[in-house]
N, C-alpha and C. Protein backbone atom coordinates (compact mmCIF):
# COMPACT_ATOMS: atom_id res chain seq x y z
N MET A 1 6.44 -16.21 6.89
CA MET A 1 5.86 -15.83 5.63
C MET A 1 4.83 -14.73 5.88
N PHE A 2 4.78 -13.78 4.97
CA PHE A 2 3.87 -12.64 5.05
C PHE A 2 3.20 -12.49 3.69
N LEU A 3 1.89 -12.26 3.68
CA LEU A 3 1.11 -12.20 2.46
C LEU A 3 0.29 -10.91 2.44
N VAL A 4 0.35 -10.20 1.31
CA VAL A 4 -0.47 -9.00 1.10
C VAL A 4 -1.46 -9.32 -0.01
N LEU A 5 -2.76 -9.10 0.27
CA LEU A 5 -3.82 -9.38 -0.69
C LEU A 5 -4.51 -8.10 -1.12
N TRP A 6 -4.65 -7.94 -2.45
CA TRP A 6 -5.38 -6.82 -3.02
C TRP A 6 -6.46 -7.36 -3.95
N GLU A 7 -7.62 -6.68 -3.97
CA GLU A 7 -8.70 -7.02 -4.89
C GLU A 7 -8.87 -5.87 -5.88
N PHE A 8 -9.06 -6.23 -7.14
CA PHE A 8 -9.20 -5.23 -8.21
C PHE A 8 -10.43 -5.54 -9.05
N ASP A 9 -11.17 -4.49 -9.40
CA ASP A 9 -12.22 -4.57 -10.41
C ASP A 9 -11.64 -3.91 -11.65
N VAL A 10 -11.46 -4.72 -12.69
CA VAL A 10 -10.77 -4.27 -13.90
C VAL A 10 -11.77 -3.69 -14.90
N LYS A 11 -11.36 -2.58 -15.52
CA LYS A 11 -12.21 -1.92 -16.51
C LYS A 11 -12.42 -2.84 -17.72
N PRO A 12 -13.60 -2.76 -18.33
CA PRO A 12 -13.84 -3.52 -19.56
C PRO A 12 -12.77 -3.16 -20.61
N GLY A 13 -12.27 -4.18 -21.27
CA GLY A 13 -11.26 -3.99 -22.30
C GLY A 13 -9.84 -3.90 -21.77
N SER A 14 -9.66 -3.98 -20.46
CA SER A 14 -8.32 -3.83 -19.87
C SER A 14 -7.77 -5.12 -19.25
N LYS A 15 -8.51 -6.22 -19.36
CA LYS A 15 -8.09 -7.45 -18.69
C LYS A 15 -6.72 -7.94 -19.15
N GLY A 16 -6.47 -7.94 -20.45
CA GLY A 16 -5.19 -8.43 -20.97
C GLY A 16 -4.01 -7.64 -20.42
N ARG A 17 -4.11 -6.33 -20.50
CA ARG A 17 -3.03 -5.46 -19.99
C ARG A 17 -2.89 -5.62 -18.48
N PHE A 18 -4.02 -5.67 -17.77
CA PHE A 18 -3.98 -5.85 -16.32
C PHE A 18 -3.24 -7.14 -15.96
N GLU A 19 -3.57 -8.23 -16.63
CA GLU A 19 -2.93 -9.52 -16.33
C GLU A 19 -1.43 -9.47 -16.58
N LEU A 20 -1.00 -8.74 -17.61
CA LEU A 20 0.44 -8.60 -17.87
C LEU A 20 1.13 -7.80 -16.77
N VAL A 21 0.54 -6.69 -16.37
CA VAL A 21 1.16 -5.79 -15.39
C VAL A 21 1.17 -6.39 -13.99
N TYR A 22 0.08 -7.06 -13.62
CA TYR A 22 -0.07 -7.55 -12.24
C TYR A 22 0.31 -9.02 -12.07
N GLY A 23 0.60 -9.72 -13.15
CA GLY A 23 0.96 -11.13 -13.07
C GLY A 23 2.36 -11.36 -12.53
N PRO A 24 2.76 -12.62 -12.37
CA PRO A 24 4.04 -12.96 -11.77
C PRO A 24 5.27 -12.51 -12.55
N SER A 25 5.10 -12.08 -13.79
CA SER A 25 6.23 -11.56 -14.58
C SER A 25 6.04 -10.09 -14.91
N GLY A 26 5.02 -9.46 -14.33
CA GLY A 26 4.67 -8.10 -14.67
C GLY A 26 5.47 -7.03 -13.96
N ASP A 27 5.04 -5.80 -14.16
CA ASP A 27 5.75 -4.63 -13.63
C ASP A 27 5.91 -4.67 -12.12
N TRP A 28 4.82 -5.05 -11.43
CA TRP A 28 4.90 -5.09 -9.96
C TRP A 28 5.90 -6.14 -9.49
N ALA A 29 5.80 -7.33 -10.04
CA ALA A 29 6.71 -8.41 -9.62
C ALA A 29 8.17 -8.06 -9.94
N ARG A 30 8.41 -7.39 -11.07
CA ARG A 30 9.78 -6.98 -11.38
C ARG A 30 10.32 -6.01 -10.34
N LEU A 31 9.48 -5.07 -9.92
CA LEU A 31 9.90 -4.15 -8.86
C LEU A 31 10.15 -4.91 -7.56
N PHE A 32 9.25 -5.78 -7.19
CA PHE A 32 9.40 -6.54 -5.95
C PHE A 32 10.64 -7.42 -5.95
N ARG A 33 10.97 -8.00 -7.12
CA ARG A 33 12.13 -8.91 -7.21
C ARG A 33 13.45 -8.21 -6.92
N SER A 34 13.46 -6.89 -6.89
CA SER A 34 14.69 -6.17 -6.53
C SER A 34 15.03 -6.37 -5.05
N ASP A 35 14.12 -6.94 -4.29
CA ASP A 35 14.34 -7.16 -2.86
C ASP A 35 14.46 -8.66 -2.58
N PRO A 36 15.51 -9.08 -1.88
CA PRO A 36 15.70 -10.52 -1.61
C PRO A 36 14.63 -11.12 -0.70
N ALA A 37 13.86 -10.31 0.00
CA ALA A 37 12.82 -10.83 0.90
C ALA A 37 11.51 -11.13 0.16
N TYR A 38 11.41 -10.70 -1.08
CA TYR A 38 10.22 -11.00 -1.89
C TYR A 38 10.27 -12.45 -2.31
N GLN A 39 9.14 -13.15 -2.21
CA GLN A 39 9.08 -14.56 -2.59
C GLN A 39 8.42 -14.78 -3.94
N ARG A 40 7.16 -14.30 -4.09
CA ARG A 40 6.45 -14.53 -5.35
C ARG A 40 5.12 -13.78 -5.34
N THR A 41 4.51 -13.73 -6.54
CA THR A 41 3.19 -13.14 -6.72
C THR A 41 2.29 -14.14 -7.42
N LEU A 42 1.07 -14.24 -6.95
CA LEU A 42 0.03 -15.01 -7.64
C LEU A 42 -1.04 -14.03 -8.09
N LEU A 43 -1.57 -14.24 -9.28
CA LEU A 43 -2.69 -13.45 -9.78
C LEU A 43 -3.85 -14.41 -9.97
N LEU A 44 -4.98 -14.11 -9.32
CA LEU A 44 -6.16 -14.96 -9.39
C LEU A 44 -7.34 -14.17 -9.93
N ARG A 45 -8.16 -14.83 -10.77
CA ARG A 45 -9.38 -14.20 -11.28
C ARG A 45 -10.57 -14.90 -10.64
N ASP A 46 -11.55 -14.13 -10.21
CA ASP A 46 -12.75 -14.65 -9.59
C ASP A 46 -13.53 -15.47 -10.63
N ALA A 47 -13.86 -16.70 -10.29
CA ALA A 47 -14.57 -17.58 -11.22
C ALA A 47 -16.00 -17.12 -11.48
N ALA A 48 -16.59 -16.38 -10.56
CA ALA A 48 -17.96 -15.92 -10.71
C ALA A 48 -18.06 -14.49 -11.24
N ARG A 49 -17.00 -13.70 -11.05
CA ARG A 49 -16.98 -12.30 -11.50
C ARG A 49 -15.74 -12.11 -12.36
N ASP A 50 -15.90 -12.24 -13.64
CA ASP A 50 -14.79 -12.28 -14.59
C ASP A 50 -13.88 -11.05 -14.56
N HIS A 51 -14.36 -9.94 -14.06
CA HIS A 51 -13.59 -8.69 -14.04
C HIS A 51 -12.89 -8.45 -12.70
N THR A 52 -13.05 -9.38 -11.75
CA THR A 52 -12.49 -9.21 -10.41
C THR A 52 -11.27 -10.12 -10.22
N TYR A 53 -10.19 -9.53 -9.73
CA TYR A 53 -8.93 -10.25 -9.54
C TYR A 53 -8.40 -10.05 -8.13
N LEU A 54 -7.57 -10.98 -7.70
CA LEU A 54 -6.79 -10.86 -6.47
C LEU A 54 -5.32 -10.95 -6.82
N THR A 55 -4.52 -10.11 -6.18
CA THR A 55 -3.07 -10.32 -6.23
C THR A 55 -2.65 -10.78 -4.85
N CYS A 56 -1.73 -11.73 -4.83
CA CYS A 56 -1.21 -12.33 -3.60
C CYS A 56 0.30 -12.18 -3.66
N ASP A 57 0.83 -11.27 -2.86
CA ASP A 57 2.28 -11.01 -2.84
C ASP A 57 2.87 -11.59 -1.57
N PHE A 58 3.82 -12.51 -1.74
CA PHE A 58 4.42 -13.23 -0.63
C PHE A 58 5.80 -12.65 -0.32
N TRP A 59 6.03 -12.41 0.96
CA TRP A 59 7.29 -11.85 1.45
C TRP A 59 7.79 -12.68 2.62
N ASN A 60 9.06 -12.54 2.96
CA ASN A 60 9.61 -13.26 4.11
C ASN A 60 8.98 -12.81 5.42
N SER A 61 8.70 -11.52 5.55
CA SER A 61 8.17 -10.99 6.81
C SER A 61 7.49 -9.64 6.57
N ARG A 62 6.69 -9.25 7.53
CA ARG A 62 6.06 -7.92 7.49
C ARG A 62 7.12 -6.83 7.48
N ALA A 63 8.13 -6.99 8.34
CA ALA A 63 9.20 -5.98 8.43
C ALA A 63 9.91 -5.81 7.08
N ALA A 64 10.17 -6.90 6.39
CA ALA A 64 10.83 -6.83 5.09
C ALA A 64 9.96 -6.10 4.07
N TYR A 65 8.67 -6.41 4.07
CA TYR A 65 7.74 -5.75 3.15
C TYR A 65 7.66 -4.25 3.43
N GLU A 66 7.51 -3.89 4.68
CA GLU A 66 7.40 -2.48 5.04
C GLU A 66 8.69 -1.72 4.72
N SER A 67 9.82 -2.36 4.94
CA SER A 67 11.11 -1.75 4.60
C SER A 67 11.21 -1.52 3.09
N PHE A 68 10.81 -2.52 2.32
CA PHE A 68 10.80 -2.40 0.86
C PHE A 68 9.93 -1.21 0.44
N ARG A 69 8.74 -1.10 1.01
CA ARG A 69 7.82 -0.02 0.64
C ARG A 69 8.43 1.35 0.95
N ARG A 70 9.10 1.48 2.08
CA ARG A 70 9.73 2.77 2.42
C ARG A 70 10.86 3.09 1.45
N ARG A 71 11.72 2.12 1.17
CA ARG A 71 12.88 2.35 0.31
C ARG A 71 12.50 2.59 -1.15
N ASN A 72 11.39 2.04 -1.58
CA ASN A 72 11.00 2.10 -2.99
C ASN A 72 9.71 2.88 -3.20
N ARG A 73 9.45 3.81 -2.32
CA ARG A 73 8.20 4.58 -2.34
C ARG A 73 7.94 5.23 -3.69
N ASP A 74 8.92 5.90 -4.25
CA ASP A 74 8.72 6.63 -5.51
C ASP A 74 8.41 5.68 -6.67
N ALA A 75 9.16 4.60 -6.78
CA ALA A 75 8.93 3.63 -7.86
C ALA A 75 7.56 2.96 -7.69
N TYR A 76 7.18 2.65 -6.46
CA TYR A 76 5.89 2.04 -6.16
C TYR A 76 4.75 2.98 -6.59
N LEU A 77 4.87 4.24 -6.19
CA LEU A 77 3.83 5.21 -6.54
C LEU A 77 3.75 5.45 -8.05
N ALA A 78 4.89 5.41 -8.73
CA ALA A 78 4.90 5.62 -10.18
C ALA A 78 4.15 4.50 -10.90
N ILE A 79 4.40 3.25 -10.52
CA ILE A 79 3.68 2.13 -11.15
C ILE A 79 2.20 2.22 -10.79
N ASP A 80 1.90 2.51 -9.55
CA ASP A 80 0.51 2.63 -9.12
C ASP A 80 -0.24 3.68 -9.95
N LYS A 81 0.39 4.80 -10.18
CA LYS A 81 -0.22 5.87 -10.98
C LYS A 81 -0.47 5.42 -12.42
N GLU A 82 0.51 4.73 -13.01
CA GLU A 82 0.37 4.23 -14.38
C GLU A 82 -0.78 3.23 -14.51
N CYS A 83 -1.03 2.48 -13.45
CA CYS A 83 -2.02 1.40 -13.49
C CYS A 83 -3.44 1.86 -13.18
N GLU A 84 -3.62 3.08 -12.73
CA GLU A 84 -4.95 3.58 -12.38
C GLU A 84 -5.95 3.42 -13.52
N GLU A 85 -5.49 3.60 -14.74
CA GLU A 85 -6.39 3.55 -15.90
C GLU A 85 -6.92 2.15 -16.17
N LEU A 86 -6.36 1.11 -15.54
CA LEU A 86 -6.77 -0.26 -15.80
C LEU A 86 -7.92 -0.73 -14.92
N THR A 87 -8.19 -0.02 -13.83
CA THR A 87 -9.15 -0.52 -12.86
C THR A 87 -10.27 0.48 -12.54
N LEU A 88 -11.40 -0.08 -12.14
CA LEU A 88 -12.52 0.71 -11.65
C LEU A 88 -12.40 0.92 -10.15
N ALA A 89 -11.82 -0.08 -9.47
CA ALA A 89 -11.67 -0.03 -8.02
C ALA A 89 -10.55 -0.97 -7.60
N GLU A 90 -9.92 -0.61 -6.49
CA GLU A 90 -8.94 -1.51 -5.88
C GLU A 90 -9.07 -1.39 -4.37
N ARG A 91 -8.82 -2.52 -3.69
CA ARG A 91 -8.99 -2.55 -2.25
C ARG A 91 -7.97 -3.50 -1.65
N GLU A 92 -7.24 -3.01 -0.65
CA GLU A 92 -6.34 -3.90 0.08
C GLU A 92 -7.20 -4.74 1.01
N ILE A 93 -7.22 -6.03 0.78
CA ILE A 93 -8.00 -6.94 1.62
C ILE A 93 -7.35 -7.09 2.98
N GLY A 94 -6.02 -7.21 2.96
CA GLY A 94 -5.33 -7.33 4.23
C GLY A 94 -3.92 -7.83 4.07
N ALA A 95 -3.24 -7.88 5.20
CA ALA A 95 -1.87 -8.36 5.28
C ALA A 95 -1.86 -9.46 6.33
N PHE A 96 -1.36 -10.63 5.95
CA PHE A 96 -1.48 -11.81 6.78
C PHE A 96 -0.13 -12.44 7.07
N GLU A 97 0.04 -12.90 8.29
CA GLU A 97 1.27 -13.57 8.69
C GLU A 97 1.00 -15.04 8.97
N LYS A 98 1.96 -15.85 8.61
CA LYS A 98 1.87 -17.28 8.88
C LYS A 98 1.94 -17.49 10.40
N ILE A 99 1.12 -18.40 10.88
CA ILE A 99 1.13 -18.73 12.29
C ILE A 99 2.27 -19.71 12.55
N ALA A 100 3.13 -19.39 13.51
CA ALA A 100 4.28 -20.23 13.82
C ALA A 100 3.84 -21.65 14.13
N GLY A 101 4.57 -22.60 13.57
CA GLY A 101 4.29 -24.02 13.82
C GLY A 101 3.25 -24.62 12.92
N HIS A 102 2.69 -23.84 12.00
CA HIS A 102 1.67 -24.36 11.06
C HIS A 102 2.21 -24.27 9.64
N GLN A 103 1.91 -25.30 8.85
CA GLN A 103 2.35 -25.26 7.46
C GLN A 103 1.29 -24.61 6.67
């Protein structure tokens, strides 16, 4: 299992649209679902900072995720460009791999 985490600070008045686009049924997840190695997306909101969100994208492996990004570069960049207006800041927290033998 491979997990990519992003943190977003959402612009005032954009939370509803952001949640639609970045949620498990949104634009990003629809693009990711075109790849059989994609597992799921979770969207989390910070309980202390109402405008801060995390996206958690689960993939079978790092190699599968990187291959997807290369093959779908243009579509990925197009959605990213469209979504710029929704956020004040975004930051990739990291990419994490499951440790073998641990659940």
